[in-house]
C-alpha atoms as a PDB file:
ATOM      1  CA  MET A   1     135.218  49.828 176.945  1.00  0.00           C
ATOM      2  CA  MET A   2     134.106  52.275 174.288  1.00  0.00           C
ATOM      3  CA  THR A   3     135.762  50.133 171.545  1.00  0.00           C
ATOM      4  CA  SER A   4     133.884  47.047 172.689  1.00  0.00           C
ATOM      5  CA  THR A   5     130.553  48.887 172.714  1.00  0.00           C
ATOM      6  CA  ARG A   6     131.097  50.348 169.270  1.00  0.00           C
ATOM      7  CA  ALA A   7     132.042  46.922 167.882  1.00  0.00           C
ATOM      8  CA  ARG A   8     128.831  45.419 169.268  1.00  0.00           C
ATOM      9  CA  ALA A   9     126.781  48.308 167.852  1.00  0.00           C
ATOM     10  CA  ALA A  10     128.441  47.996 164.458  1.00  0.00           C
ATOM     11  CA  SER A  11     127.658  44.297 164.364  1.00  0.00           C
ATOM     12  CA  LYS A  12     123.922  44.916 164.805  1.00  0.00           C
ATOM     13  CA  ARG A  13     121.793  45.351 161.694  1.00  0.00           C
ATOM     14  CA  LYS A  14     118.104  45.875 161.222  1.00  0.00           C
ATOM     15  CA  GLY A  15     116.000  43.335 159.414  1.00  0.00           C
ATOM     16  CA  THR A  16     113.235  44.077 156.920  1.00  0.00           C
ATOM     17  CA  SER A  17     110.702  44.374 159.730  1.00  0.00           C
ATOM     18  CA  GLY A  18     112.794  46.950 161.517  1.00  0.00           C
ATOM     19  CA  ALA A  19     113.913  44.561 164.280  1.00  0.00           C
ATOM     20  CA  GLU A  20     117.568  44.467 165.017  1.00  0.00           C
ATOM     21  CA  LEU A  21     119.473  41.302 164.070  1.00  0.00           C
ATOM     22  CA  SER A  22     121.905  40.077 166.654  1.00  0.00           C
ATOM     23  CA  GLU A  23     123.938  37.944 164.145  1.00  0.00           C
ATOM     24  CA  PRO A  24     125.813  39.248 161.056  1.00  0.00           C
ATOM     25  CA  LEU A  25     124.498  38.391 157.558  1.00  0.00           C
ATOM     26  CA  PRO A  26     126.275  35.423 155.859  1.00  0.00           C
ATOM     27  CA  SER A  27     128.939  36.263 153.351  1.00  0.00           C
ATOM     28  CA  ALA A  28     128.521  35.640 149.551  1.00  0.00           C
ATOM     29  CA  VAL A  29     130.747  32.565 149.734  1.00  0.00           C
ATOM     30  CA  GLU A  30     128.686  31.113 152.558  1.00  0.00           C
ATOM     31  CA  MET A  31     125.431  31.752 150.638  1.00  0.00           C
ATOM     32  CA  TRP A  32     126.829  30.125 147.441  1.00  0.00           C
ATOM     33  CA  THR A  33     128.006  27.079 149.362  1.00  0.00           C
ATOM     34  CA  SER A  34     124.615  26.684 151.030  1.00  0.00           C
ATOM     35  CA  CYS A  35     122.743  26.928 147.698  1.00  0.00           C
ATOM     36  CA  THR A  36     125.081  24.416 146.042  1.00  0.00           C
ATOM     37  CA  VAL A  37     124.487  21.892 148.803  1.00  0.00           C
ATOM     38  CA  LYS A  38     120.716  22.306 148.470  1.00  0.00           C
ATOM     39  CA  VAL A  39     120.846  21.856 144.676  1.00  0.00           C
ATOM     40  CA  HIS A  40     122.915  18.710 145.068  1.00  0.00           C
ATOM     41  CA  ASP A  41     120.452  17.360 147.618  1.00  0.00           C
ATOM     42  CA  CYS A  42     117.551  18.154 145.259  1.00  0.00           C
ATOM     43  CA  LEU A  43     119.236  16.428 142.297  1.00  0.00           C
ATOM     44  CA  ALA A  44     120.037  13.380 144.420  1.00  0.00           C
ATOM     45  CA  SER A  45     116.431  13.179 145.524  1.00  0.00           C
ATOM     46  CA  THR A  46     115.203  13.520 141.923  1.00  0.00           C
ATOM     47  CA  SER A  47     117.611  10.814 140.766  1.00  0.00           C
ATOM     48  CA  VAL A  48     116.304   8.428 143.374  1.00  0.00           C
ATOM     49  CA  THR A  49     112.736   9.184 142.323  1.00  0.00           C
ATOM     50  CA  LEU A  50     113.550   8.600 138.629  1.00  0.00           C
ATOM     51  CA  LYS A  51     115.260   5.313 139.391  1.00  0.00           C
ATOM     52  CA  ARG A  52     112.221   4.170 141.340  1.00  0.00           C
ATOM     53  CA  CYS A  53     109.960   5.139 138.394  1.00  0.00           C
ATOM     54  CA  LEU A  54     112.172   3.288 135.939  1.00  0.00           C
ATOM     55  CA  ARG A  55     112.171   0.201 138.123  1.00  0.00           C
ATOM     56  CA  LEU A  56     108.405   0.423 138.294  1.00  0.00           C
ATOM     57  CA  GLY A  57     108.166   0.806 134.509  1.00  0.00           C
ATOM     58  CA  VAL A  58     110.350  -2.225 133.916  1.00  0.00           C
ATOM     59  CA  ALA A  59     108.311  -4.186 136.356  1.00  0.00           C
ATOM     60  CA  MET A  60     105.144  -3.152 134.542  1.00  0.00           C
ATOM     61  CA  ALA A  61     106.622  -4.062 131.098  1.00  0.00           C
ATOM     62  CA  LYS A  62     107.629  -7.478 132.378  1.00  0.00           C
ATOM     63  CA  SER A  63     104.132  -8.403 133.326  1.00  0.00           C
ATOM     64  CA  LYS A  64     102.889 -11.909 133.835  1.00  0.00           C
ATOM     65  CA  PHE A  65     101.439 -11.833 130.303  1.00  0.00           C
ATOM     66  CA  GLU A  66     104.769 -11.308 128.566  1.00  0.00           C
ATOM     67  CA  TYR A  67     105.338 -15.067 128.277  1.00  0.00           C
ATOM     68  CA  VAL A  68     103.155 -15.065 125.131  1.00  0.00           C
ATOM     69  CA  ARG A  69     106.110 -13.643 123.196  1.00  0.00           C
ATOM     70  CA  ASP A  70     107.767 -17.033 123.511  1.00  0.00           C
ATOM     71  CA  PHE A  71     105.259 -18.374 120.966  1.00  0.00           C
ATOM     72  CA  GLU A  72     106.610 -16.101 118.195  1.00  0.00           C
ATOM     73  CA  ALA A  73     108.591 -18.086 115.650  1.00  0.00           C
ATOM     74  CA  ASP A  74     112.096 -16.989 114.725  1.00  0.00           C
ATOM     75  CA  ASP A  75     111.851 -16.202 111.008  1.00  0.00           C
ATOM     76  CA  THR A  76     115.236 -14.531 110.515  1.00  0.00           C
ATOM     77  CA  CYS A  77     116.558 -15.135 107.005  1.00  0.00           C
ATOM     78  CA  LEU A  78     120.011 -16.667 106.704  1.00  0.00           C
ATOM     79  CA  PRO A  79     122.822 -14.105 106.458  1.00  0.00           C
ATOM     80  CA  GLN A  80     124.757 -13.495 103.239  1.00  0.00           C
ATOM     81  CA  CYS A  81     121.900 -14.916 101.159  1.00  0.00           C
ATOM     82  CA  TRP A  82     119.683 -13.336  98.540  1.00  0.00           C
ATOM     83  CA  VAL A  83     116.184 -12.795  99.922  1.00  0.00           C
ATOM     84  CA  VAL A  84     113.444 -13.142  97.310  1.00  0.00           C
ATOM     85  CA  VAL A  85     109.822 -12.171  97.909  1.00  0.00           C
ATOM     86  CA  ARG A  86     107.446 -13.471  95.242  1.00  0.00           C
ATOM     87  CA  LEU A  87     103.890 -12.195  95.004  1.00  0.00           C
ATOM     88  CA  ASP A  88     101.071 -13.922  93.128  1.00  0.00           C
ATOM     89  CA  GLY A  89      97.608 -12.621  92.408  1.00  0.00           C
ATOM     90  CA  ARG A  90      95.000 -14.439  94.449  1.00  0.00           C
ATOM     91  CA  ASN A  91      92.307 -15.992  92.244  1.00  0.00           C
ATOM     92  CA  PHE A  92      93.250 -13.661  89.394  1.00  0.00           C
ATOM     93  CA  HIS A  93      91.484 -15.788  86.750  1.00  0.00           C
ATOM     94  CA  ARG A  94      88.189 -14.696  88.278  1.00  0.00           C
ATOM     95  CA  PHE A  95      89.479 -11.150  88.804  1.00  0.00           C
ATOM     96  CA  ALA A  96      90.470 -10.901  85.125  1.00  0.00           C
ATOM     97  CA  GLU A  97      87.062 -12.143  83.967  1.00  0.00           C
ATOM     98  CA  LYS A  98      85.128  -9.784  86.206  1.00  0.00           C
ATOM     99  CA  HIS A  99      87.173  -6.796  84.997  1.00  0.00           C
ATOM    100  CA  ASN A 100      87.113  -7.742  81.306  1.00  0.00           C
ATOM    101  CA  PHE A 101      90.849  -8.278  80.805  1.00  0.00           C
ATOM    102  CA  ALA A 102      91.822  -8.794  77.169  1.00  0.00           C
ATOM    103  CA  LYS A 103      92.980 -12.308  76.218  1.00  0.00           C
ATOM    104  CA  PRO A 104      95.622 -13.677  76.015  1.00  0.00           C
ATOM    105  CA  ASN A 105      97.351 -10.541  77.341  1.00  0.00           C
ATOM    106  CA  ASP A 106      96.021  -7.237  78.620  1.00  0.00           C
ATOM    107  CA  SER A 107      98.676  -4.553  78.257  1.00  0.00           C
ATOM    108  CA  ARG A 108      96.857  -2.321  80.763  1.00  0.00           C
ATOM    109  CA  ALA A 109      96.994  -4.980  83.468  1.00  0.00           C
ATOM    110  CA  LEU A 110     100.685  -5.707  82.829  1.00  0.00           C
ATOM    111  CA  GLN A 111     101.577  -2.010  82.854  1.00  0.00           C
ATOM    112  CA  LEU A 112      99.693  -1.602  86.129  1.00  0.00           C
ATOM    113  CA  MET A 113     101.653  -4.498  87.637  1.00  0.00           C
ATOM    114  CA  ASN A 114     104.889  -2.847  86.478  1.00  0.00           C
ATOM    115  CA  LYS A 115     103.866   0.472  88.024  1.00  0.00           C
ATOM    116  CA  CYS A 116     103.157  -1.237  91.345  1.00  0.00           C
ATOM    117  CA  ALA A 117     106.550  -2.957  91.231  1.00  0.00           C
ATOM    118  CA  GLN A 118     108.276   0.370  90.580  1.00  0.00           C
ATOM    119  CA  THR A 119     106.489   1.834  93.590  1.00  0.00           C
ATOM    120  CA  VAL A 120     107.631  -1.063  95.788  1.00  0.00           C
ATOM    121  CA  MET A 121     111.243  -0.621  94.710  1.00  0.00           C
ATOM    122  CA  GLU A 122     111.157   3.126  95.322  1.00  0.00           C
ATOM    123  CA  GLU A 123     109.791   2.593  98.823  1.00  0.00           C
ATOM    124  CA  LEU A 124     112.034  -0.354  99.724  1.00  0.00           C
ATOM    125  CA  GLU A 125     115.443   0.618  98.380  1.00  0.00           C
ATOM    126  CA  ASP A 126     117.211  -2.581  99.434  1.00  0.00           C
ATOM    127  CA  ILE A 127     115.662  -4.304  96.399  1.00  0.00           C
ATOM    128  CA  VAL A 128     118.283  -4.649  93.645  1.00  0.00           C
ATOM    129  CA  ILE A 129     116.221  -6.311  90.906  1.00  0.00           C
ATOM    130  CA  ALA A 130     112.621  -7.377  90.286  1.00  0.00           C
ATOM    131  CA  TYR A 131     111.034  -9.604  87.674  1.00  0.00           C
ATOM    132  CA  GLY A 132     107.365  -9.840  86.748  1.00  0.00           C
ATOM    133  CA  GLN A 133     105.077 -11.680  84.369  1.00  0.00           C
ATOM    134  CA  SER A 134     101.338 -12.240  84.219  1.00  0.00           C
ATOM    135  CA  ASP A 135      99.989 -11.767  87.790  1.00  0.00           C
ATOM    136  CA  GLU A 136     103.237 -12.391  89.661  1.00  0.00           C
ATOM    137  CA  TYR A 137     106.300 -10.372  90.674  1.00  0.00           C
ATOM    138  CA  SER A 138     109.574 -11.327  92.350  1.00  0.00           C
ATOM    139  CA  PHE A 139     111.635  -8.850  94.380  1.00  0.00           C
ATOM    140  CA  VAL A 140     115.283  -9.549  95.218  1.00  0.00           C
ATOM    141  CA  PHE A 141     116.811  -7.922  98.313  1.00  0.00           C
ATOM    142  CA  ARG A 142     120.548  -7.309  98.715  1.00  0.00           C
ATOM    143  CA  ARG A 143     122.564 -10.159 100.168  1.00  0.00           C
ATOM    144  CA  LYS A 144     123.813  -7.942 102.998  1.00  0.00           C
ATOM    145  CA  SER A 145     120.486  -6.275 103.668  1.00  0.00           C
ATOM    146  CA  ASN A 146     119.717  -6.003 107.366  1.00  0.00           C
ATOM    147  CA  TRP A 147     116.294  -4.497 106.763  1.00  0.00           C
ATOM    148  CA  PHE A 148     114.058  -5.224 109.783  1.00  0.00           C
ATOM    149  CA  LYS A 149     116.808  -7.555 111.039  1.00  0.00           C
ATOM    150  CA  ARG A 150     116.139  -9.840 108.021  1.00  0.00           C
ATOM    151  CA  ARG A 151     112.799 -11.044 109.373  1.00  0.00           C
ATOM    152  CA  ALA A 152     110.951 -12.918 106.625  1.00  0.00           C
ATOM    153  CA  SER A 153     107.530 -11.794 107.847  1.00  0.00           C
ATOM    154  CA  LYS A 154     108.587  -8.147 107.568  1.00  0.00           C
ATOM    155  CA  PHE A 155     109.954  -8.628 104.049  1.00  0.00           C
ATOM    156  CA  MET A 156     106.791 -10.319 102.858  1.00  0.00           C
ATOM    157  CA  THR A 157     104.178  -8.144 104.546  1.00  0.00           C
ATOM    158  CA  HIS A 158     105.780  -4.840 103.553  1.00  0.00           C
ATOM    159  CA  VAL A 159     106.139  -5.885  99.915  1.00  0.00           C
ATOM    160  CA  ALA A 160     102.628  -7.362  99.698  1.00  0.00           C
ATOM    161  CA  SER A 161     100.888  -4.425 101.374  1.00  0.00           C
ATOM    162  CA  GLN A 162     102.760  -1.815  99.322  1.00  0.00           C
ATOM    163  CA  PHE A 163     102.052  -3.681  96.087  1.00  0.00           C
ATOM    164  CA  ALA A 164      98.361  -4.283  96.783  1.00  0.00           C
ATOM    165  CA  SER A 165      97.685  -0.706  97.893  1.00  0.00           C
ATOM    166  CA  SER A 166      99.498   0.607  94.810  1.00  0.00           C
ATOM    167  CA  TYR A 167      97.369  -1.649  92.584  1.00  0.00           C
ATOM    168  CA  VAL A 168      94.204  -0.051  93.917  1.00  0.00           C
ATOM    169  CA  PHE A 169      95.671   3.482  93.960  1.00  0.00           C
ATOM    170  CA  TYR A 170      96.868   3.425  90.322  1.00  0.00           C
ATOM    171  CA  TRP A 171      94.004   1.357  88.898  1.00  0.00           C
ATOM    172  CA  LYS A 172      92.179   4.357  87.416  1.00  0.00           C
ATOM    173  CA  ASP A 173      95.329   5.448  85.549  1.00  0.00           C
ATOM    174  CA  TYR A 174      95.247   2.288  83.432  1.00  0.00           C
ATOM    175  CA  PHE A 175      91.575   1.267  83.478  1.00  0.00           C
ATOM    176  CA  GLU A 176      89.788   4.559  82.915  1.00  0.00           C
ATOM    177  CA  ASP A 177      86.525   3.003  81.701  1.00  0.00           C
ATOM    178  CA  GLN A 178      86.553  -0.036  83.950  1.00  0.00           C
ATOM    179  CA  PRO A 179      85.702   0.566  87.625  1.00  0.00           C
ATOM    180  CA  LEU A 180      87.399  -1.568  90.232  1.00  0.00           C
ATOM    181  CA  LEU A 181      84.644  -3.919  91.370  1.00  0.00           C
ATOM    182  CA  TYR A 182      86.393  -5.351  94.417  1.00  0.00           C
ATOM    183  CA  PRO A 183      89.852  -5.236  96.025  1.00  0.00           C
ATOM    184  CA  PRO A 184      92.511  -7.529  94.531  1.00  0.00           C
ATOM    185  CA  GLY A 185      94.439  -9.931  96.729  1.00  0.00           C
ATOM    186  CA  PHE A 186      98.076 -11.062  96.601  1.00  0.00           C
ATOM    187  CA  ASP A 187      99.788 -13.867  98.470  1.00  0.00           C
ATOM    188  CA  GLY A 188     103.504 -13.888  99.104  1.00  0.00           C
ATOM    189  CA  ARG A 189     106.359 -16.197  99.972  1.00  0.00           C
ATOM    190  CA  VAL A 190     109.972 -15.660 101.003  1.00  0.00           C
ATOM    191  CA  VAL A 191     112.824 -17.811  99.723  1.00  0.00           C
ATOM    192  CA  VAL A 192     116.559 -17.368 100.341  1.00  0.00           C
ATOM    193  CA  TYR A 193     119.170 -18.281  97.738  1.00  0.00           C
ATOM    194  CA  PRO A 194     122.755 -18.826  98.929  1.00  0.00           C
ATOM    195  CA  SER A 195     124.716 -17.952  95.770  1.00  0.00           C
ATOM    196  CA  ASN A 196     124.668 -15.783  92.669  1.00  0.00           C
ATOM    197  CA  GLN A 197     124.121 -18.831  90.484  1.00  0.00           C
ATOM    198  CA  THR A 198     121.072 -20.057  92.392  1.00  0.00           C
ATOM    199  CA  LEU A 199     119.560 -16.571  92.176  1.00  0.00           C
ATOM    200  CA  LYS A 200     120.191 -16.422  88.415  1.00  0.00           C
ATOM    201  CA  ASP A 201     118.656 -19.881  88.047  1.00  0.00           C
ATOM    202  CA  TYR A 202     115.583 -18.761  89.981  1.00  0.00           C
ATOM    203  CA  LEU A 203     115.047 -15.739  87.724  1.00  0.00           C
ATOM    204  CA  SER A 204     115.713 -17.893  84.635  1.00  0.00           C
ATOM    205  CA  TRP A 205     113.058 -20.327  85.863  1.00  0.00           C
ATOM    206  CA  ARG A 206     110.493 -17.550  86.148  1.00  0.00           C
ATOM    207  CA  GLN A 207     111.279 -16.222  82.659  1.00  0.00           C
ATOM    208  CA  ALA A 208     111.118 -19.725  81.169  1.00  0.00           C
ATOM    209  CA  ASP A 209     107.729 -20.102  82.857  1.00  0.00           C
ATOM    210  CA  CYS A 210     106.651 -16.810  81.240  1.00  0.00           C
ATOM    211  CA  HIS A 211     107.591 -18.100  77.777  1.00  0.00           C
ATOM    212  CA  ILE A 212     105.873 -21.480  78.238  1.00  0.00           C
ATOM    213  CA  ASN A 213     102.642 -19.982  79.575  1.00  0.00           C
ATOM    214  CA  ASN A 214     102.465 -17.157  77.054  1.00  0.00           C
ATOM    215  CA  LEU A 215     103.054 -19.416  74.059  1.00  0.00           C
ATOM    216  CA  TYR A 216     100.321 -21.769  75.249  1.00  0.00           C
ATOM    217  CA  ASN A 217      97.877 -18.943  75.960  1.00  0.00           C
ATOM    218  CA  THR A 218      98.554 -17.280  72.602  1.00  0.00           C
ATOM    219  CA  VAL A 219      97.651 -20.471  70.706  1.00  0.00           C
ATOM    220  CA  PHE A 220      94.802 -21.364  73.072  1.00  0.00           C
ATOM    221  CA  TRP A 221      93.002 -18.047  72.654  1.00  0.00           C
ATOM    222  CA  ALA A 222      93.670 -17.906  68.910  1.00  0.00           C
ATOM    223  CA  LEU A 223      91.869 -21.235  68.568  1.00  0.00           C
ATOM    224  CA  ILE A 224      88.930 -19.883  70.580  1.00  0.00           C
ATOM    225  CA  GLN A 225      88.703 -16.346  69.198  1.00  0.00           C
ATOM    226  CA  GLN A 226      89.571 -17.027  65.554  1.00  0.00           C
ATOM    227  CA  SER A 227      88.673 -20.682  64.964  1.00  0.00           C
ATOM    228  CA  GLY A 228      85.574 -20.748  67.150  1.00  0.00           C
ATOM    229  CA  LEU A 229      86.641 -23.666  69.332  1.00  0.00           C
ATOM    230  CA  THR A 230      85.322 -24.010  72.842  1.00  0.00           C
ATOM    231  CA  PRO A 231      87.823 -23.861  75.730  1.00  0.00           C
ATOM    232  CA  VAL A 232      87.552 -27.651  76.139  1.00  0.00           C
ATOM    233  CA  GLN A 233      88.159 -28.243  72.423  1.00  0.00           C
ATOM    234  CA  ALA A 234      91.149 -25.880  72.393  1.00  0.00           C
ATOM    235  CA  LYS A 235      92.614 -27.639  75.417  1.00  0.00           C
ATOM    236  CA  ASP A 236      92.212 -31.033  73.736  1.00  0.00           C
ATOM    237  CA  ARG A 237      93.798 -29.726  70.533  1.00  0.00           C
ATOM    238  CA  LEU A 238      96.915 -28.575  72.391  1.00  0.00           C
ATOM    239  CA  GLN A 239      97.285 -31.591  74.659  1.00  0.00           C
ATOM    240  CA  GLY A 240     100.680 -33.217  74.157  1.00  0.00           C
ATOM    241  CA  THR A 241     101.994 -30.560  71.755  1.00  0.00           C
ATOM    242  CA  LEU A 242     105.532 -29.176  71.992  1.00  0.00           C
ATOM    243  CA  ALA A 243     106.705 -25.597  71.493  1.00  0.00           C
ATOM    244  CA  ALA A 244     107.457 -26.283  67.816  1.00  0.00           C
ATOM    245  CA  ASP A 245     103.924 -27.640  67.314  1.00  0.00           C
ATOM    246  CA  LYS A 246     102.371 -24.541  68.871  1.00  0.00           C
ATOM    247  CA  ASN A 247     104.500 -22.241  66.731  1.00  0.00           C
ATOM    248  CA  GLU A 248     103.417 -24.176  63.633  1.00  0.00           C
ATOM    249  CA  ILE A 249      99.723 -23.837  64.530  1.00  0.00           C
ATOM    250  CA  LEU A 250     100.104 -20.095  65.048  1.00  0.00           C
ATOM    251  CA  PHE A 251     101.901 -19.546  61.756  1.00  0.00           C
ATOM    252  CA  SER A 252     100.046 -21.969  59.488  1.00  0.00           C
ATOM    253  CA  GLU A 253      96.523 -21.302  60.737  1.00  0.00           C
ATOM    254  CA  PHE A 254      96.650 -17.702  61.969  1.00  0.00           C
ATOM    255  CA  LYS A 255      99.685 -16.189  60.187  1.00  0.00           C
ATOM    256  CA  ILE A 256     101.161 -15.278  63.572  1.00  0.00           C
ATOM    257  CA  ASN A 257     104.922 -15.329  64.004  1.00  0.00           C
ATOM    258  CA  TYR A 258     105.333 -15.788  67.733  1.00  0.00           C
ATOM    259  CA  ASN A 259     108.756 -14.128  67.664  1.00  0.00           C
ATOM    260  CA  ASN A 260     107.056 -10.902  66.592  1.00  0.00           C
ATOM    261  CA  GLU A 261     104.815 -10.782  69.648  1.00  0.00           C
ATOM    262  CA  PRO A 262     105.634  -7.928  72.101  1.00  0.00           C
ATOM    263  CA  LEU A 263     108.655  -8.632  74.290  1.00  0.00           C
ATOM    264  CA  MET A 264     106.687  -7.756  77.430  1.00  0.00           C
ATOM    265  CA  TYR A 265     104.424 -10.732  76.697  1.00  0.00           C
ATOM    266  CA  ARG A 266     107.206 -13.161  75.731  1.00  0.00           C
ATOM    267  CA  LYS A 267     109.971 -12.126  78.156  1.00  0.00           C
ATOM    268  CA  GLY A 268     108.167 -10.479  81.044  1.00  0.00           C
ATOM    269  CA  THR A 269     109.519  -7.338  82.727  1.00  0.00           C
ATOM    270  CA  VAL A 270     112.815  -6.729  84.512  1.00  0.00           C
ATOM    271  CA  LEU A 271     113.262  -3.790  86.883  1.00  0.00           C
ATOM    272  CA  ILE A 272     116.747  -2.553  87.770  1.00  0.00           C
ATOM    273  CA  TRP A 273     118.186   0.679  89.181  1.00  0.00           C
ATOM    274  CA  GLN A 274     119.610   3.038  86.583  1.00  0.00           C
ATOM    275  CA  LYS A 275     120.570   6.690  86.386  1.00  0.00           C
ATOM    276  CA  VAL A 276     118.017   8.579  84.332  1.00  0.00           C
ATOM    277  CA  ASP A 277     117.997  12.160  83.090  1.00  0.00           C
ATOM    278  CA  GLU A 278     114.669  13.774  83.912  1.00  0.00           C
ATOM    279  CA  VAL A 279     113.668  16.993  82.154  1.00  0.00           C
ATOM    280  CA  THR A 280     111.363  19.271  84.128  1.00  0.00           C
ATOM    281  CA  THR A 281     110.112  22.771  83.447  1.00  0.00           C
ATOM    282  CA  LYS A 282     110.583  25.276  86.222  1.00  0.00           C
ATOM    283  CA  GLU A 283     110.869  29.010  86.673  1.00  0.00           C
ATOM    284  CA  VAL A 284     114.414  30.148  87.305  1.00  0.00           C
ATOM    285  CA  LYS A 285     116.007  33.500  88.094  1.00  0.00           C
ATOM    286  CA  LEU A 286     117.190  35.121  84.906  1.00  0.00           C
ATOM    287  CA  PRO A 287     118.368  38.576  83.809  1.00  0.00           C
ATOM    288  CA  ALA A 288     115.760  41.325  83.984  1.00  0.00           C
ATOM    289  CA  GLU A 289     114.937  41.203  80.279  1.00  0.00           C
ATOM    290  CA  MET A 290     113.984  37.500  80.583  1.00  0.00           C
ATOM    291  CA  GLU A 291     112.353  37.598  84.006  1.00  0.00           C
ATOM    292  CA  GLY A 292     109.379  35.296  84.406  1.00  0.00           C
ATOM    293  CA  LYS A 293     110.513  32.836  81.723  1.00  0.00           C
ATOM    294  CA  LYS A 294     110.392  29.097  82.317  1.00  0.00           C
ATOM    295  CA  MET A 295     113.232  26.858  81.269  1.00  0.00           C
ATOM    296  CA  ALA A 296     113.741  23.120  80.956  1.00  0.00           C
ATOM    297  CA  VAL A 297     115.995  21.766  83.684  1.00  0.00           C
ATOM    298  CA  THR A 298     117.639  18.366  83.394  1.00  0.00           C
ATOM    299  CA  ARG A 299     118.385  16.415  86.555  1.00  0.00           C
ATOM    300  CA  THR A 300     119.892  12.971  86.931  1.00  0.00           C
ATOM    301  CA  ARG A 301     118.526  10.570  89.493  1.00  0.00           C
ATOM    302  CA  THR A 302     118.543   6.828  90.071  1.00  0.00           C
ATOM    303  CA  LYS A 303     115.194   5.120  89.609  1.00  0.00           C
ATOM    304  CA  PRO A 304     113.757   1.670  88.767  1.00  0.00           C
ATOM    305  CA  VAL A 305     113.807   1.240  84.988  1.00  0.00           C
ATOM    306  CA  LEU A 306     111.685  -1.221  83.000  1.00  0.00           C
ATOM    307  CA  LEU A 307     113.439  -3.648  80.659  1.00  0.00           C
ATOM    308  CA  HIS A 308     111.936  -6.346  78.448  1.00  0.00           C
ATOM    309  CA  CYS A 309     114.884  -8.579  77.699  1.00  0.00           C
ATOM    310  CA  ASP A 310     116.384 -12.013  78.098  1.00  0.00           C
ATOM    311  CA  ILE A 311     117.870 -12.758  81.526  1.00  0.00           C
ATOM    312  CA  ILE A 312     118.531 -16.463  81.003  1.00  0.00           C
ATOM    313  CA  GLY A 313     121.711 -15.950  78.997  1.00  0.00           C
ATOM    314  CA  ASP A 314     124.922 -14.333  80.234  1.00  0.00           C
ATOM    315  CA  ALA A 315     124.633 -11.121  78.203  1.00  0.00           C
ATOM    316  CA  PHE A 316     122.292  -9.390  80.655  1.00  0.00           C
ATOM    317  CA  TRP A 317     124.460 -10.171  83.672  1.00  0.00           C
ATOM    318  CA  LYS A 318     127.635  -9.058  81.936  1.00  0.00           C
ATOM    319  CA  GLU A 319     125.973  -5.773  81.027  1.00  0.00           C
ATOM    320  CA  HIS A 320     124.750  -5.204  84.605  1.00  0.00           C
ATOM    321  CA  PRO A 321     127.386  -6.736  86.931  1.00  0.00           C
ATOM    322  CA  GLU A 322     126.479  -4.300  89.727  1.00  0.00           C
ATOM    323  CA  ILE A 323     123.293  -6.272  90.453  1.00  0.00           C
ATOM    324  CA  LEU A 324     125.172  -9.278  91.821  1.00  0.00           C
ATOM    325  CA  TYR A 325     128.374  -7.690  93.019  1.00  0.00           C
ATOM    326  CA  GLU A 326     127.421  -4.249  94.297  1.00  0.00           C
ATOM    327  CA  ASP A 327     128.010  -5.181  97.946  1.00  0.00           C
ATOM    328  CA  SER A 328     130.089  -8.333  97.759  1.00  0.00           C
END
């Protein structure tokens, strides 16, 4: 009887309020099990809530207005083809007149175009080669490029916007005394070429166009500036003439050997990636007796390099085979 009474007394404990508890406190294992069950229940409830929110979000994204996406044209460029984006200055005859470009060639304007093309290549590294002349530039993207899933609109708009903004940004570096009177415009087109030969033919076509136009303009403006002809008279004088005739006029009347004209005018500009050693001056840690000295540091990096050369013949392509075969 005494044992039973003592057992009941030992099983009683006082709570925080001083009242006696008739039941024993749960063990540590029981408390851990209870907490685990509650956490699992909470996580399950949260998961259900998240799933409901996701379903609601999907339902909201797929609204009744989403059908308008069906009107977007599929402009994916063909795979395994060279993608070429060509930019042309919009109404640049008027732009050149308003900004007093030198005739027949303005070296400042051509150098500015080259700077813009370098900027485009540095920003869009999938471009393997670019070619420019006058107010146009062509950019060639790698055959295996998957940039923006090969969407033509993305190729064109990114190149055009980067080029145009660079033209305005760097204008003052080349035209210090000539303010920019209004923003220039550039239109673009995208063409895909299925083979190395068709790409080479395209670039050859653009360089041949450079030669034809520059030879004509050189004679045309010589007749106006040095012989005093009007533009209409100069045009009539050159009508029906061949390249040999134009060269003869330049040499016999103006003592100009066309072959001695700057290569940038006659051949245009080619941009390719090359490793270049850049020398910079920076302060480096030296022994105490030379502390604070600055030294020239040479670093090699790959950057777009300007070339003024022939790309119609095979010599250029043999010298730079990586352009066509770097990812084939």
